[in-house]
Amino acid sequence: GEIVATPDALALLQRHGVNAAILLRRHQRGDWGELSVHDRTANDRAIKDGSRILSAYMVAGKKVWVVTDAASDDSISRTSTCVLMAGEY
């Protein structure tokens, strides 16, 4: 699906020399970052059932989220992934 990012998230990453692609690769590999056990379990389940996937990574003391939308009706394809600040969700 489409990959998008909010201006605030991009500005933070750029200010601190963090490439968004690195966070996206971590998210894609199942490295969920700074999540609770409950949220990690939900992500593991989401891979199978097509629900939303959330990762959270700390950048300069601020939490950046990577959110992949729930799968479409075919339970396989996902429409988008967004990189955003935690307060923007």
Protein backbone atom coordinates (compact mmCIF):
# COMPACT_ATOMS: atom_id res chain seq x y z
CA GLY A 1 0.00 0.00 0.00
CA GLU A 2 0.83 3.67 0.07
CA ILE A 3 3.40 5.03 2.55
CA VAL A 4 2.75 8.50 3.95
CA ALA A 5 4.11 10.62 6.79
CA THR A 6 2.99 13.72 8.61
CA PRO A 7 5.05 16.91 8.33
CA ASP A 8 5.75 16.92 12.10
CA ALA A 9 7.07 13.36 12.06
CA LEU A 10 9.25 14.04 9.02
CA ALA A 11 10.62 17.22 10.60
CA LEU A 12 11.55 15.40 13.82
CA LEU A 13 13.25 12.58 11.93
CA GLN A 14 15.17 15.00 9.74
CA ARG A 15 16.23 17.15 12.70
CA HIS A 16 17.76 14.10 14.38
CA GLY A 17 19.18 12.39 11.30
CA VAL A 18 16.80 9.42 11.39
CA ASN A 19 15.77 7.97 8.04
CA ALA A 20 12.07 7.06 7.96
CA ALA A 21 12.94 4.02 5.85
CA ILE A 22 14.77 2.51 8.83
CA LEU A 23 11.65 2.74 10.99
CA LEU A 24 9.53 1.32 8.18
CA ARG A 25 11.90 -1.64 7.79
CA ARG A 26 11.77 -2.33 11.54
CA HIS A 27 7.97 -2.19 11.40
CA GLN A 28 7.89 -4.52 8.39
CA ARG A 29 10.21 -7.03 10.14
CA GLY A 30 7.99 -7.19 13.21
CA ASP A 31 10.24 -5.07 15.45
CA TRP A 32 7.40 -3.19 17.10
CA GLY A 33 9.67 -0.89 19.12
CA GLU A 34 8.36 0.53 22.39
CA LEU A 35 5.07 -1.34 22.83
CA SER A 36 3.46 -3.15 25.71
CA VAL A 37 3.16 -6.93 25.69
CA HIS A 38 -0.56 -6.51 24.99
CA ASP A 39 0.09 -4.35 21.90
CA ARG A 40 2.83 -6.69 20.67
CA THR A 41 0.44 -9.62 20.93
CA ALA A 42 -2.25 -7.64 19.08
CA ASN A 43 0.24 -6.93 16.27
CA ASP A 44 1.21 -10.59 16.01
CA ARG A 45 -2.49 -11.44 15.74
CA ALA A 46 -3.06 -8.62 13.21
CA ILE A 47 -0.57 -10.17 10.82
CA LYS A 48 -2.86 -13.16 10.62
CA ASP A 49 -6.30 -11.54 10.84
CA GLY A 50 -5.66 -8.37 8.85
CA SER A 51 -6.32 -5.82 11.60
CA ARG A 52 -4.31 -2.63 12.19
CA ILE A 53 -0.58 -2.87 13.03
CA LEU A 54 1.12 -0.28 15.25
CA SER A 55 4.80 0.25 16.04
CA ALA A 56 6.26 2.94 18.29
CA TYR A 57 9.84 4.17 18.21
CA MET A 58 11.53 6.76 20.41
CA VAL A 59 13.36 9.55 18.58
CA ALA A 60 14.98 12.25 20.71
CA GLY A 61 12.65 11.47 23.60
CA LYS A 62 9.51 11.65 21.45
CA LYS A 63 7.39 8.75 20.32
CA VAL A 64 6.99 8.22 16.59
CA TRP A 65 4.31 5.79 15.48
CA VAL A 66 4.16 3.71 12.35
CA VAL A 67 0.61 2.55 11.67
CA THR A 68 -0.46 0.15 8.95
CA ASP A 69 -4.18 0.23 8.25
CA ALA A 70 -6.34 -2.85 8.51
CA ALA A 71 -6.44 -5.10 5.47
CA SER A 72 -9.07 -4.71 2.82
CA ASP A 73 -11.93 -7.16 2.47
CA ASP A 74 -9.63 -9.74 0.88
CA SER A 75 -7.70 -9.86 4.21
CA ILE A 76 -4.40 -9.61 2.33
CA SER A 77 -3.78 -6.14 0.90
CA ARG A 78 -3.37 -3.10 3.13
CA THR A 79 -4.02 0.35 1.76
CA SER A 80 -1.52 2.47 3.65
CA THR A 81 1.14 2.89 6.29
CA CYS A 82 1.64 6.22 8.03
CA VAL A 83 4.57 7.60 10.03
CA LEU A 84 3.29 10.12 12.57
CA MET A 85 3.80 11.58 16.00
CA ALA A 86 1.96 9.84 18.83
CA GLY A 87 -0.21 12.90 19.47
CA GLU A 88 -1.37 12.99 15.84
CA TYR A 89 -3.23 9.67 15.86
